[in-house]
């Protein structure tokens, strides 16, 4: 059994990993083989296939984890940029207020 191709489109991201790799079917076959009690080539092939599928799942999970980490870094950097922009905007407001007060002081005649 080969895993279905995985694309990271929004609809498919919500599907379970087990459905992509048919793990349930493999586990059920392995359970049947264990119940029969005979360890043969078929049993070994099932164990090998299940191990292979778990490794592929692990690789996919590592890829997803790496992607989430990089997105977290991006979010953090965007948050820092936003904070810097807010600080600059506040400084600009303060300067404009000071400038306005200076102009008002020049335009209004003092009594």
PDB file of N, CA and C in Angstrom:
ATOM      1  N   UNK A   1       0.832  -1.178   0.000  1.00  0.00           N
ATOM      2  CA  UNK A   1       0.000   0.000   0.000  1.00  0.00           C
ATOM      3  C   UNK A   1       0.871   1.233   0.000  1.00  0.00           C
ATOM      4  N   UNK A   2       0.600   2.106  -0.909  1.00  0.00           N
ATOM      5  CA  UNK A   2       1.376   3.337  -1.001  1.00  0.00           C
ATOM      6  C   UNK A   2       0.543   4.488  -0.460  1.00  0.00           C
ATOM      7  N   UNK A   3       1.200   5.441   0.200  1.00  0.00           N
ATOM      8  CA  UNK A   3       0.445   6.590   0.688  1.00  0.00           C
ATOM      9  C   UNK A   3      -0.033   7.438  -0.476  1.00  0.00           C
ATOM     10  N   UNK A   4      -1.182   8.028  -0.264  1.00  0.00           N
ATOM     11  CA  UNK A   4      -1.686   8.954  -1.274  1.00  0.00           C
ATOM     12  C   UNK A   4      -0.816  10.198  -1.276  1.00  0.00           C
ATOM     13  N   UNK A   5      -0.674  10.851  -2.432  1.00  0.00           N
ATOM     14  CA  UNK A   5       0.126  12.079  -2.465  1.00  0.00           C
ATOM     15  C   UNK A   5      -0.491  13.123  -1.537  1.00  0.00           C
ATOM     16  N   UNK A   6       0.377  13.814  -0.832  1.00  0.00           N
ATOM     17  CA  UNK A   6      -0.095  14.826   0.104  1.00  0.00           C
ATOM     18  C   UNK A   6       0.232  16.194  -0.456  1.00  0.00           C
ATOM     19  N   UNK A   7      -0.784  17.008  -0.576  1.00  0.00           N
ATOM     20  CA  UNK A   7      -0.584  18.399  -0.942  1.00  0.00           C
ATOM     21  C   UNK A   7      -1.085  19.229   0.213  1.00  0.00           C
ATOM     22  N   UNK A   8      -0.502  20.372   0.426  1.00  0.00           N
ATOM     23  CA  UNK A   8      -0.853  21.184   1.576  1.00  0.00           C
ATOM     24  C   UNK A   8      -1.844  22.273   1.195  1.00  0.00           C
ATOM     25  N   UNK A   9      -2.970  21.853   0.669  1.00  0.00           N
ATOM     26  CA  UNK A   9      -4.056  22.765   0.402  1.00  0.00           C
ATOM     27  C   UNK A   9      -4.906  22.825   1.650  1.00  0.00           C
ATOM     28  N   UNK A  10      -5.588  23.952   1.909  1.00  0.00           N
ATOM     29  CA  UNK A  10      -6.344  24.114   3.147  1.00  0.00           C
ATOM     30  C   UNK A  10      -7.325  22.982   3.435  1.00  0.00           C
ATOM     31  N   UNK A  11      -8.012  22.448   2.427  1.00  0.00           N
ATOM     32  CA  UNK A  11      -8.984  21.386   2.660  1.00  0.00           C
ATOM     33  C   UNK A  11      -8.301  20.115   3.135  1.00  0.00           C
ATOM     34  N   UNK A  12      -7.171  19.784   2.548  1.00  0.00           N
ATOM     35  CA  UNK A  12      -6.517  18.521   2.860  1.00  0.00           C
ATOM     36  C   UNK A  12      -5.721  18.587   4.158  1.00  0.00           C
ATOM     37  N   UNK A  13      -5.381  19.794   4.623  1.00  0.00           N
ATOM     38  CA  UNK A  13      -4.641  19.903   5.867  1.00  0.00           C
ATOM     39  C   UNK A  13      -5.464  19.392   7.038  1.00  0.00           C
ATOM     40  N   UNK A  14      -6.783  19.434   6.895  1.00  0.00           N
ATOM     41  CA  UNK A  14      -7.652  19.041   7.988  1.00  0.00           C
ATOM     42  C   UNK A  14      -7.868  17.537   8.054  1.00  0.00           C
ATOM     43  N   UNK A  15      -7.480  16.798   7.033  1.00  0.00           N
ATOM     44  CA  UNK A  15      -7.632  15.345   7.055  1.00  0.00           C
ATOM     45  C   UNK A  15      -6.595  14.741   7.989  1.00  0.00           C
ATOM     46  N   UNK A  16      -6.934  13.601   8.576  1.00  0.00           N
ATOM     47  CA  UNK A  16      -6.006  12.979   9.511  1.00  0.00           C
ATOM     48  C   UNK A  16      -4.837  12.336   8.771  1.00  0.00           C
ATOM     49  N   UNK A  17      -3.710  12.283   9.470  1.00  0.00           N
ATOM     50  CA  UNK A  17      -2.527  11.642   8.896  1.00  0.00           C
ATOM     51  C   UNK A  17      -2.782  10.169   8.650  1.00  0.00           C
ATOM     52  N   UNK A  18      -3.533   9.536   9.532  1.00  0.00           N
ATOM     53  CA  UNK A  18      -3.800   8.101   9.376  1.00  0.00           C
ATOM     54  C   UNK A  18      -4.498   7.809   8.062  1.00  0.00           C
ATOM     55  N   UNK A  19      -5.388   8.702   7.622  1.00  0.00           N
ATOM     56  CA  UNK A  19      -6.089   8.450   6.362  1.00  0.00           C
ATOM     57  C   UNK A  19      -5.138   8.545   5.172  1.00  0.00           C
ATOM     58  N   UNK A  20      -4.111   9.370   5.269  1.00  0.00           N
ATOM     59  CA  UNK A  20      -3.145   9.489   4.172  1.00  0.00           C
ATOM     60  C   UNK A  20      -2.289   8.239   4.039  1.00  0.00           C
ATOM     61  N   UNK A  21      -2.019   7.594   5.124  1.00  0.00           N
ATOM     62  CA  UNK A  21      -1.087   6.471   5.113  1.00  0.00           C
ATOM     63  C   UNK A  21      -1.763   5.122   5.319  1.00  0.00           C
ATOM     64  N   UNK A  22      -3.067   5.091   5.410  1.00  0.00           N
ATOM     65  CA  UNK A  22      -3.817   3.848   5.602  1.00  0.00           C
ATOM     66  C   UNK A  22      -3.288   3.047   6.788  1.00  0.00           C
ATOM     67  N   UNK A  23      -2.977   3.722   7.867  1.00  0.00           N
ATOM     68  CA  UNK A  23      -2.425   3.044   9.038  1.00  0.00           C
ATOM     69  C   UNK A  23      -3.444   2.111   9.680  1.00  0.00           C
ATOM     70  N   UNK A  24      -4.689   2.524   9.726  1.00  0.00           N
ATOM     71  CA  UNK A  24      -5.706   1.693  10.358  1.00  0.00           C
ATOM     72  C   UNK A  24      -5.807   0.340   9.663  1.00  0.00           C
ATOM     73  N   UNK A  25      -5.812   0.341   8.350  1.00  0.00           N
ATOM     74  CA  UNK A  25      -5.889  -0.906   7.594  1.00  0.00           C
ATOM     75  C   UNK A  25      -4.687  -1.808   7.899  1.00  0.00           C
ATOM     76  N   UNK A  26      -3.496  -1.228   7.942  1.00  0.00           N
ATOM     77  CA  UNK A  26      -2.290  -2.007   8.254  1.00  0.00           C
ATOM     78  C   UNK A  26      -2.348  -2.578   9.668  1.00  0.00           C
ATOM     79  N   UNK A  27      -2.796  -1.771  10.609  1.00  0.00           N
ATOM     80  CA  UNK A  27      -2.872  -2.221  11.999  1.00  0.00           C
ATOM     81  C   UNK A  27      -3.891  -3.344  12.141  1.00  0.00           C
ATOM     82  N   UNK A  28      -5.012  -3.215  11.453  1.00  0.00           N
ATOM     83  CA  UNK A  28      -6.020  -4.285  11.505  1.00  0.00           C
ATOM     84  C   UNK A  28      -5.473  -5.590  10.920  1.00  0.00           C
ATOM     85  N   UNK A  29      -4.751  -5.511   9.805  1.00  0.00           N
ATOM     86  CA  UNK A  29      -4.154  -6.710   9.212  1.00  0.00           C
ATOM     87  C   UNK A  29      -3.130  -7.334  10.155  1.00  0.00           C
ATOM     88  N   UNK A  30      -2.343  -6.471  10.795  1.00  0.00           N
ATOM     89  CA  UNK A  30      -1.341  -6.957  11.739  1.00  0.00           C
ATOM     90  C   UNK A  30      -2.016  -7.607  12.943  1.00  0.00           C
ATOM     91  N   UNK A  31      -3.096  -7.010  13.427  1.00  0.00           N
ATOM     92  CA  UNK A  31      -3.844  -7.596  14.549  1.00  0.00           C
ATOM     93  C   UNK A  31      -4.389  -8.968  14.169  1.00  0.00           C
ATOM     94  N   UNK A  32      -4.906  -9.100  12.947  1.00  0.00           N
ATOM     95  CA  UNK A  32      -5.394 -10.409  12.478  1.00  0.00           C
ATOM     96  C   UNK A  32      -4.263 -11.431  12.440  1.00  0.00           C
ATOM     97  N   UNK A  33      -3.100 -11.005  11.958  1.00  0.00           N
ATOM     98  CA  UNK A  33      -1.957 -11.920  11.881  1.00  0.00           C
ATOM     99  C   UNK A  33      -1.518 -12.344  13.276  1.00  0.00           C
ATOM    100  N   UNK A  34      -1.554 -11.417  14.233  1.00  0.00           N
ATOM    101  CA  UNK A  34      -1.161 -11.741  15.607  1.00  0.00           C
ATOM    102  C   UNK A  34      -2.164 -12.718  16.222  1.00  0.00           C
ATOM    103  N   UNK A  35      -3.457 -12.477  15.947  1.00  0.00           N
ATOM    104  CA  UNK A  35      -4.492 -13.366  16.476  1.00  0.00           C
ATOM    105  C   UNK A  35      -4.331 -14.793  15.952  1.00  0.00           C
ATOM    106  N   UNK A  36      -3.898 -14.935  14.701  1.00  0.00           N
ATOM    107  CA  UNK A  36      -3.686 -16.262  14.127  1.00  0.00           C
ATOM    108  C   UNK A  36      -2.484 -16.952  14.753  1.00  0.00           C
ATOM    109  N   UNK A  37      -1.609 -16.160  15.350  1.00  0.00           N
ATOM    110  CA  UNK A  37      -0.500 -16.725  16.098  1.00  0.00           C
ATOM    111  C   UNK A  37       0.682 -17.203  15.286  1.00  0.00           C
ATOM    112  N   UNK A  38       0.624 -17.152  13.999  1.00  0.00           N
ATOM    113  CA  UNK A  38       1.730 -17.652  13.186  1.00  0.00           C
ATOM    114  C   UNK A  38       2.541 -16.473  12.658  1.00  0.00           C
ATOM    115  N   UNK A  39       3.821 -16.471  12.998  1.00  0.00           N
ATOM    116  CA  UNK A  39       4.697 -15.430  12.473  1.00  0.00           C
ATOM    117  C   UNK A  39       5.308 -15.959  11.193  1.00  0.00           C
ATOM    118  N   UNK A  40       4.962 -15.316  10.078  1.00  0.00           N
ATOM    119  CA  UNK A  40       5.464 -15.758   8.779  1.00  0.00           C
ATOM    120  C   UNK A  40       5.959 -14.548   7.994  1.00  0.00           C
ATOM    121  N   UNK A  41       6.222 -14.759   6.727  1.00  0.00           N
ATOM    122  CA  UNK A  41       6.705 -13.659   5.880  1.00  0.00           C
ATOM    123  C   UNK A  41       5.659 -12.557   5.762  1.00  0.00           C
ATOM    124  N   UNK A  42       4.404 -12.939   5.727  1.00  0.00           N
ATOM    125  CA  UNK A  42       3.327 -11.953   5.630  1.00  0.00           C
ATOM    126  C   UNK A  42       3.316 -11.046   6.863  1.00  0.00           C
ATOM    127  N   UNK A  43       3.481 -11.659   8.029  1.00  0.00           N
ATOM    128  CA  UNK A  43       3.538 -10.930   9.290  1.00  0.00           C
ATOM    129  C   UNK A  43       4.709  -9.950   9.270  1.00  0.00           C
ATOM    130  N   UNK A  44       5.881 -10.438   8.895  1.00  0.00           N
ATOM    131  CA  UNK A  44       7.079  -9.588   8.829  1.00  0.00           C
ATOM    132  C   UNK A  44       6.900  -8.453   7.830  1.00  0.00           C
ATOM    133  N   UNK A  45       6.253  -8.733   6.711  1.00  0.00           N
ATOM    134  CA  UNK A  45       6.008  -7.695   5.703  1.00  0.00           C
ATOM    135  C   UNK A  45       5.075  -6.624   6.255  1.00  0.00           C
ATOM    136  N   UNK A  46       4.057  -7.034   7.025  1.00  0.00           N
ATOM    137  CA  UNK A  46       3.140  -6.070   7.632  1.00  0.00           C
ATOM    138  C   UNK A  46       3.859  -5.171   8.638  1.00  0.00           C
ATOM    139  N   UNK A  47       4.704  -5.785   9.466  1.00  0.00           N
ATOM    140  CA  UNK A  47       5.478  -5.017  10.442  1.00  0.00           C
ATOM    141  C   UNK A  47       6.396  -4.031   9.723  1.00  0.00           C
ATOM    142  N   UNK A  48       7.043  -4.498   8.670  1.00  0.00           N
ATOM    143  CA  UNK A  48       7.937  -3.641   7.898  1.00  0.00           C
ATOM    144  C   UNK A  48       7.171  -2.480   7.260  1.00  0.00           C
ATOM    145  N   UNK A  49       6.026  -2.779   6.669  1.00  0.00           N
ATOM    146  CA  UNK A  49       5.209  -1.736   6.036  1.00  0.00           C
ATOM    147  C   UNK A  49       4.706  -0.732   7.068  1.00  0.00           C
ATOM    148  N   UNK A  50       4.259  -1.216   8.212  1.00  0.00           N
ATOM    149  CA  UNK A  50       3.775  -0.331   9.271  1.00  0.00           C
ATOM    150  C   UNK A  50       4.901   0.560   9.782  1.00  0.00           C
ATOM    151  N   UNK A  51       6.074  -0.010   9.957  1.00  0.00           N
ATOM    152  CA  UNK A  51       7.239   0.764  10.395  1.00  0.00           C
ATOM    153  C   UNK A  51       7.572   1.847   9.373  1.00  0.00           C
ATOM    154  N   UNK A  52       7.542   1.475   8.107  1.00  0.00           N
ATOM    155  CA  UNK A  52       7.821   2.428   7.038  1.00  0.00           C
ATOM    156  C   UNK A  52       6.805   3.573   7.038  1.00  0.00           C
ATOM    157  N   UNK A  53       5.533   3.225   7.213  1.00  0.00           N
ATOM    158  CA  UNK A  53       4.492   4.246   7.216  1.00  0.00           C
ATOM    159  C   UNK A  53       4.633   5.169   8.427  1.00  0.00           C
ATOM    160  N   UNK A  54       4.975   4.615   9.577  1.00  0.00           N
ATOM    161  CA  UNK A  54       5.192   5.437  10.762  1.00  0.00           C
ATOM    162  C   UNK A  54       6.366   6.392  10.550  1.00  0.00           C
ATOM    163  N   UNK A  55       7.423   5.919   9.901  1.00  0.00           N
ATOM    164  CA  UNK A  55       8.569   6.788   9.616  1.00  0.00           C
ATOM    165  C   UNK A  55       8.163   7.937   8.698  1.00  0.00           C
ATOM    166  N   UNK A  56       7.330   7.629   7.700  1.00  0.00           N
ATOM    167  CA  UNK A  56       6.848   8.678   6.799  1.00  0.00           C
ATOM    168  C   UNK A  56       5.977   9.676   7.559  1.00  0.00           C
ATOM    169  N   UNK A  57       5.146   9.164   8.460  1.00  0.00           N
ATOM    170  CA  UNK A  57       4.325  10.054   9.297  1.00  0.00           C
ATOM    171  C   UNK A  57       5.216  10.958  10.138  1.00  0.00           C
ATOM    172  N   UNK A  58       6.267  10.377  10.708  1.00  0.00           N
ATOM    173  CA  UNK A  58       7.181  11.153  11.537  1.00  0.00           C
ATOM    174  C   UNK A  58       7.856  12.246  10.718  1.00  0.00           C
ATOM    175  N   UNK A  59       8.268  11.924   9.502  1.00  0.00           N
ATOM    176  CA  UNK A  59       8.877  12.934   8.630  1.00  0.00           C
ATOM    177  C   UNK A  59       7.890  14.059   8.339  1.00  0.00           C
ATOM    178  N   UNK A  60       6.653  13.677   8.071  1.00  0.00           N
ATOM    179  CA  UNK A  60       5.629  14.686   7.792  1.00  0.00           C
ATOM    180  C   UNK A  60       5.385  15.549   9.020  1.00  0.00           C
ATOM    181  N   UNK A  61       5.298  14.927  10.177  1.00  0.00           N
ATOM    182  CA  UNK A  61       5.103  15.695  11.412  1.00  0.00           C
ATOM    183  C   UNK A  61       6.276  16.634  11.678  1.00  0.00           C
ATOM    184  N   UNK A  62       7.493  16.160  11.415  1.00  0.00           N
ATOM    185  CA  UNK A  62       8.661  17.031  11.579  1.00  0.00           C
ATOM    186  C   UNK A  62       8.611  18.212  10.617  1.00  0.00           C
ATOM    187  N   UNK A  63       8.173  17.958   9.388  1.00  0.00           N
ATOM    188  CA  UNK A  63       8.038  19.038   8.407  1.00  0.00           C
ATOM    189  C   UNK A  63       7.001  20.050   8.868  1.00  0.00           C
ATOM    190  N   UNK A  64       5.877  19.552   9.346  1.00  0.00           N
ATOM    191  CA  UNK A  64       4.815  20.444   9.829  1.00  0.00           C
ATOM    192  C   UNK A  64       5.308  21.244  11.036  1.00  0.00           C
ATOM    193  N   UNK A  65       6.009  20.576  11.953  1.00  0.00           N
ATOM    194  CA  UNK A  65       6.539  21.260  13.133  1.00  0.00           C
ATOM    195  C   UNK A  65       7.527  22.355  12.722  1.00  0.00           C
ATOM    196  N   UNK A  66       8.379  22.051  11.749  1.00  0.00           N
ATOM    197  CA  UNK A  66       9.321  23.055  11.260  1.00  0.00           C
ATOM    198  C   UNK A  66       8.612  24.227  10.631  1.00  0.00           C
ATOM    199  N   UNK A  67       7.558  23.939   9.890  1.00  0.00           N
ATOM    200  CA  UNK A  67       6.780  24.998   9.253  1.00  0.00           C
ATOM    201  C   UNK A  67       6.119  25.881  10.304  1.00  0.00           C
ATOM    202  N   UNK A  68       5.571  25.252  11.339  1.00  0.00           N
ATOM    203  CA  UNK A  68       4.930  26.019  12.411  1.00  0.00           C
ATOM    204  C   UNK A  68       5.949  26.881  13.142  1.00  0.00           C
ATOM    205  N   UNK A  69       7.138  26.339  13.362  1.00  0.00           N
ATOM    206  CA  UNK A  69       8.185  27.105  14.031  1.00  0.00           C
ATOM    207  C   UNK A  69       8.577  28.319  13.207  1.00  0.00           C
ATOM    208  N   UNK A  70       8.725  28.126  11.898  1.00  0.00           N
ATOM    209  CA  UNK A  70       9.103  29.261  11.056  1.00  0.00           C
ATOM    210  C   UNK A  70       7.984  30.291  11.003  1.00  0.00           C
ATOM    211  N   UNK A  71       6.729  29.825  11.015  1.00  0.00           N
ATOM    212  CA  UNK A  71       5.609  30.773  11.045  1.00  0.00           C
ATOM    213  C   UNK A  71       5.599  31.532  12.357  1.00  0.00           C
ATOM    214  N   UNK A  72       5.920  30.850  13.466  1.00  0.00           N
ATOM    215  CA  UNK A  72       5.972  31.502  14.755  1.00  0.00           C
ATOM    216  C   UNK A  72       7.045  32.585  14.762  1.00  0.00           C
ATOM    217  N   UNK A  73       8.206  32.281  14.173  1.00  0.00           N
ATOM    218  CA  UNK A  73       9.279  33.269  14.071  1.00  0.00           C
ATOM    219  C   UNK A  73       8.808  34.462  13.242  1.00  0.00           C
ATOM    220  N   UNK A  74       8.107  34.189  12.143  1.00  0.00           N
ATOM    221  CA  UNK A  74       7.588  35.254  11.293  1.00  0.00           C
ATOM    222  C   UNK A  74       6.591  36.113  12.056  1.00  0.00           C
ATOM    223  N   UNK A  75       5.713  35.481  12.803  1.00  0.00           N
ATOM    224  CA  UNK A  75       4.726  36.219  13.597  1.00  0.00           C
ATOM    225  C   UNK A  75       5.434  37.087  14.634  1.00  0.00           C
ATOM    226  N   UNK A  76       6.446  36.523  15.295  1.00  0.00           N
ATOM    227  CA  UNK A  76       7.187  37.286  16.297  1.00  0.00           C
ATOM    228  C   UNK A  76       7.901  38.479  15.663  1.00  0.00           C
ATOM    229  N   UNK A  77       8.500  38.283  14.490  1.00  0.00           N
ATOM    230  CA  UNK A  77       9.190  39.397  13.845  1.00  0.00           C
ATOM    231  C   UNK A  77       8.192  40.464  13.406  1.00  0.00           C
ATOM    232  N   UNK A  78       7.027  40.040  12.929  1.00  0.00           N
ATOM    233  CA  UNK A  78       5.995  41.001  12.545  1.00  0.00           C
ATOM    234  C   UNK A  78       5.491  41.754  13.768  1.00  0.00           C
ATOM    235  N   UNK A  79       5.388  41.073  14.892  1.00  0.00           N
ATOM    236  CA  UNK A  79       4.955  41.717  16.137  1.00  0.00           C
ATOM    237  C   UNK A  79       5.969  42.781  16.558  1.00  0.00           C
ATOM    238  N   UNK A  80       7.268  42.457  16.450  1.00  0.00           N
ATOM    239  CA  UNK A  80       8.315  43.436  16.785  1.00  0.00           C
ATOM    240  C   UNK A  80       8.249  44.643  15.858  1.00  0.00           C
ATOM    241  N   UNK A  81       8.049  44.387  14.558  1.00  0.00           N
ATOM    242  CA  UNK A  81       7.944  45.483  13.594  1.00  0.00           C
ATOM    243  C   UNK A  81       6.741  46.363  13.911  1.00  0.00           C
ATOM    244  N   UNK A  82       5.629  45.740  14.303  1.00  0.00           N
ATOM    245  CA  UNK A  82       4.435  46.496  14.655  1.00  0.00           C
ATOM    246  C   UNK A  82       4.698  47.377  15.875  1.00  0.00           C
ATOM    247  N   UNK A  83       5.371  46.814  16.892  1.00  0.00           N
ATOM    248  CA  UNK A  83       5.695  47.591  18.084  1.00  0.00           C
ATOM    249  C   UNK A  83       6.613  48.762  17.746  1.00  0.00           C
ATOM    250  N   UNK A  84       7.604  48.542  16.887  1.00  0.00           N
ATOM    251  CA  UNK A  84       8.502  49.621  16.474  1.00  0.00           C
ATOM    252  C   UNK A  84       7.731  50.710  15.727  1.00  0.00           C
ATOM    253  N   UNK A  85       6.823  50.279  14.851  1.00  0.00           N
ATOM    254  CA  UNK A  85       6.011  51.236  14.092  1.00  0.00           C
ATOM    255  C   UNK A  85       5.125  52.049  15.020  1.00  0.00           C
ATOM    256  N   UNK A  86       4.550  51.405  16.029  1.00  0.00           N
ATOM    257  CA  UNK A  86       3.718  52.122  17.004  1.00  0.00           C
ATOM    258  C   UNK A  86       4.541  53.152  17.768  1.00  0.00           C
ATOM    259  N   UNK A  87       5.769  52.779  18.143  1.00  0.00           N
ATOM    260  CA  UNK A  87       6.645  53.719  18.847  1.00  0.00           C
ATOM    261  C   UNK A  87       6.967  54.919  17.960  1.00  0.00           C
ATOM    262  N   UNK A  88       7.286  54.662  16.699  1.00  0.00           N
ATOM    263  CA  UNK A  88       7.587  55.758  15.774  1.00  0.00           C
ATOM    264  C   UNK A  88       6.370  56.644  15.561  1.00  0.00           C
ATOM    265  N   UNK A  89       5.201  56.032  15.452  1.00  0.00           N
ATOM    266  CA  UNK A  89       3.970  56.794  15.287  1.00  0.00           C
ATOM    267  C   UNK A  89       3.712  57.669  16.509  1.00  0.00           C
ATOM    268  N   UNK A  90       3.931  57.136  17.703  1.00  0.00           N
ATOM    269  CA  UNK A  90       3.751  57.934  18.925  1.00  0.00           C
ATOM    270  C   UNK A  90       4.743  59.089  18.980  1.00  0.00           C
ATOM    271  N   UNK A  91       5.989  58.838  18.576  1.00  0.00           N
ATOM    272  CA  UNK A  91       6.986  59.912  18.531  1.00  0.00           C
ATOM    273  C   UNK A  91       6.558  60.999  17.547  1.00  0.00           C
ATOM    274  N   UNK A  92       6.047  60.567  16.390  1.00  0.00           N
ATOM    275  CA  UNK A  92       5.588  61.517  15.380  1.00  0.00           C
ATOM    276  C   UNK A  92       4.430  62.352  15.916  1.00  0.00           C
ATOM    277  N   UNK A  93       3.507  61.731  16.625  1.00  0.00           N
ATOM    278  CA  UNK A  93       2.387  62.464  17.221  1.00  0.00           C
ATOM    279  C   UNK A  93       2.876  63.502  18.223  1.00  0.00           C
ATOM    280  N   UNK A  94       3.838  63.109  19.063  1.00  0.00           N
ATOM    281  CA  UNK A  94       4.401  64.035  20.042  1.00  0.00           C
ATOM    282  C   UNK A  94       5.082  65.221  19.350  1.00  0.00           C
ATOM    283  N   UNK A  95       5.832  64.948  18.301  1.00  0.00           N
ATOM    284  CA  UNK A  95       6.500  66.027  17.560  1.00  0.00           C
ATOM    285  C   UNK A  95       5.484  66.955  16.894  1.00  0.00           C
ATOM    286  N   UNK A  96       4.437  66.378  16.333  1.00  0.00           N
ATOM    287  CA  UNK A  96       3.403  67.206  15.695  1.00  0.00           C
ATOM    288  C   UNK A  96       2.689  68.070  16.731  1.00  0.00           C
ATOM    289  N   UNK A  97       2.443  67.507  17.905  1.00  0.00           N
ATOM    290  CA  UNK A  97       1.803  68.270  18.976  1.00  0.00           C
ATOM    291  C   UNK A  97       2.701  69.419  19.427  1.00  0.00           C
ATOM    292  N   UNK A  98       3.988  69.140  19.582  1.00  0.00           N
ATOM    293  CA  UNK A  98       4.944  70.192  19.964  1.00  0.00           C
ATOM    294  C   UNK A  98       5.014  71.273  18.889  1.00  0.00           C
ATOM    295  N   UNK A  99       5.038  70.841  17.636  1.00  0.00           N
ATOM    296  CA  UNK A  99       5.088  71.782  16.515  1.00  0.00           C
ATOM    297  C   UNK A  99       3.837  72.662  16.505  1.00  0.00           C
ATOM    298  N   UNK A 100       2.678  72.050  16.711  1.00  0.00           N
ATOM    299  CA  UNK A 100       1.410  72.790  16.731  1.00  0.00           C
ATOM    300  C   UNK A 100       1.420  73.824  17.855  1.00  0.00           C
ATOM    301  N   UNK A 101       1.888  73.430  19.039  1.00  0.00           N
ATOM    302  CA  UNK A 101       1.947  74.356  20.175  1.00  0.00           C
ATOM    303  C   UNK A 101       2.891  75.513  19.870  1.00  0.00           C
ATOM    304  N   UNK A 102       4.010  75.208  19.220  1.00  0.00           N
ATOM    305  CA  UNK A 102       4.963  76.257  18.854  1.00  0.00           C
ATOM    306  C   UNK A 102       4.334  77.237  17.878  1.00  0.00           C
ATOM    307  N   UNK A 103       3.626  76.717  16.873  1.00  0.00           N
ATOM    308  CA  UNK A 103       2.956  77.579  15.897  1.00  0.00           C
ATOM    309  C   UNK A 103       1.872  78.426  16.549  1.00  0.00           C
ATOM    310  N   UNK A 104       1.084  77.804  17.418  1.00  0.00           N
ATOM    311  CA  UNK A 104       0.028  78.536  18.105  1.00  0.00           C
ATOM    312  C   UNK A 104       0.625  79.654  18.951  1.00  0.00           C
ATOM    313  N   UNK A 105       1.778  79.381  19.580  1.00  0.00           N
ATOM    314  CA  UNK A 105       2.455  80.394  20.392  1.00  0.00           C
ATOM    315  C   UNK A 105       2.951  81.552  19.535  1.00  0.00           C
ATOM    316  N   UNK A 106       3.364  81.259  18.285  1.00  0.00           N
ATOM    317  CA  UNK A 106       3.846  82.314  17.392  1.00  0.00           C
ATOM    318  C   UNK A 106       2.693  83.121  16.800  1.00  0.00           C
ATOM    319  N   UNK A 107       1.588  82.461  16.501  1.00  0.00           N
ATOM    320  CA  UNK A 107       0.456  83.116  15.844  1.00  0.00           C
ATOM    321  C   UNK A 107      -0.333  83.954  16.842  1.00  0.00           C
ATOM    322  N   UNK A 108      -0.563  83.465  18.024  1.00  0.00           N
ATOM    323  CA  UNK A 108      -1.320  84.219  19.022  1.00  0.00           C
ATOM    324  C   UNK A 108      -0.445  85.307  19.622  1.00  0.00           C
ATOM    325  N   UNK A 109      -0.967  86.477  19.615  1.00  0.00           N
ATOM    326  CA  UNK A 109      -0.203  87.549  20.258  1.00  0.00           C
ATOM    327  C   UNK A 109      -0.280  87.387  21.790  1.00  0.00           C
ATOM    328  N   UNK A 110       0.791  87.625  22.424  1.00  0.00           N
ATOM    329  CA  UNK A 110       0.811  87.506  23.868  1.00  0.00           C
ATOM    330  C   UNK A 110       0.239  88.793  24.466  1.00  0.00           C
ATOM    331  N   UNK A 111      -0.620  88.666  25.514  1.00  0.00           N
ATOM    332  CA  UNK A 111      -1.253  89.870  26.078  1.00  0.00           C
ATOM    333  C   UNK A 111      -0.317  90.727  26.876  1.00  0.00           C
TER     334      UNK A 111
END
